Amino acid sequence: MRDHRAINTERSHRAMAIDPDPNQPQRDPGAEMIRKARIATAIHMALRARAIAGQCETR
C-alpha cells in the first residue's frame, strides 16, 4: 500500500524536471545516447545470432 502522505510531500515530477535536485549527479546527454546505442546494438546482435542459429538448425 502506498503512503500517500509521503508521495504528496515529495517534490512533483514536473518540479524536478524544471529544477533538478542539486544533490543528484547530472547525466551527460551524449554519454546517455552512447549507452543506449550500445544496449540496442547488443540486443540486435543477440537476436540476429539467435535467428541465424535457428536457420542453421532447420537446414
Protein backbone atom coordinates (compact mmCIF):
# COMPACT_ATOMS: atom_id res chain seq x y z
CA MET A 1 0.00 0.00 0.00
CA ARG A 2 1.35 3.40 -0.91
CA ASP A 3 1.92 6.03 1.70
CA HIS A 4 0.11 8.94 0.06
CA ARG A 5 1.38 11.42 2.61
CA ALA A 6 4.96 10.65 1.60
CA ILE A 7 4.09 10.92 -2.09
CA ASN A 8 2.34 14.26 -1.64
CA THR A 9 5.16 15.76 0.41
CA GLU A 10 7.83 14.83 -2.15
CA ARG A 11 8.62 17.18 -4.98
CA SER A 12 6.43 16.60 -8.01
CA HIS A 13 7.92 15.13 -11.17
CA ARG A 14 7.26 18.36 -13.04
CA ALA A 15 9.07 20.41 -10.41
CA MET A 16 12.01 18.02 -10.55
CA ALA A 17 12.21 18.39 -14.34
CA ILE A 18 12.20 22.17 -14.10
CA ASP A 19 14.52 22.40 -11.11
CA PRO A 20 16.59 19.20 -10.73
CA ASP A 21 17.87 18.19 -7.33
CA PRO A 22 21.40 19.64 -6.94
CA ASN A 23 22.41 16.64 -4.82
CA GLN A 24 21.85 14.22 -7.71
CA PRO A 25 24.63 13.89 -10.30
CA GLN A 26 23.58 15.18 -13.72
CA ARG A 27 23.84 12.76 -16.64
CA ASP A 28 25.68 13.74 -19.78
CA PRO A 29 23.17 13.52 -22.69
CA GLY A 30 25.88 12.38 -25.13
CA ALA A 31 27.05 9.61 -22.83
CA GLU A 32 23.43 8.57 -22.26
CA MET A 33 22.83 8.26 -26.03
CA ILE A 34 26.01 6.21 -26.47
CA ARG A 35 24.96 3.91 -23.62
CA LYS A 36 21.52 3.38 -25.16
CA ALA A 37 23.04 2.75 -28.60
CA ARG A 38 25.38 0.12 -27.18
CA ILE A 39 22.49 -1.63 -25.44
CA ALA A 40 20.42 -1.56 -28.64
CA THR A 41 23.36 -2.92 -30.66
CA ALA A 42 23.90 -5.76 -28.18
CA ILE A 43 20.22 -6.71 -28.30
CA HIS A 44 20.21 -6.56 -32.11
CA MET A 45 23.31 -8.74 -32.37
CA ALA A 46 21.92 -11.29 -29.91
CA LEU A 47 18.61 -11.53 -31.78
CA ARG A 48 20.39 -11.84 -35.12
CA ALA A 49 22.70 -14.57 -33.81
CA ARG A 50 19.69 -16.40 -32.44
CA ALA A 51 17.87 -16.14 -35.79
CA ILE A 52 20.92 -17.36 -37.72
CA ALA A 53 21.34 -20.27 -35.30
CA GLY A 54 17.67 -21.13 -35.78
CA GLN A 55 18.06 -21.15 -39.57
CA CYS A 56 21.12 -23.38 -39.44
CA GLU A 57 19.38 -25.95 -37.24
CA THR A 58 16.42 -26.39 -39.62
CA ARG A 59 18.54 -26.97 -42.75
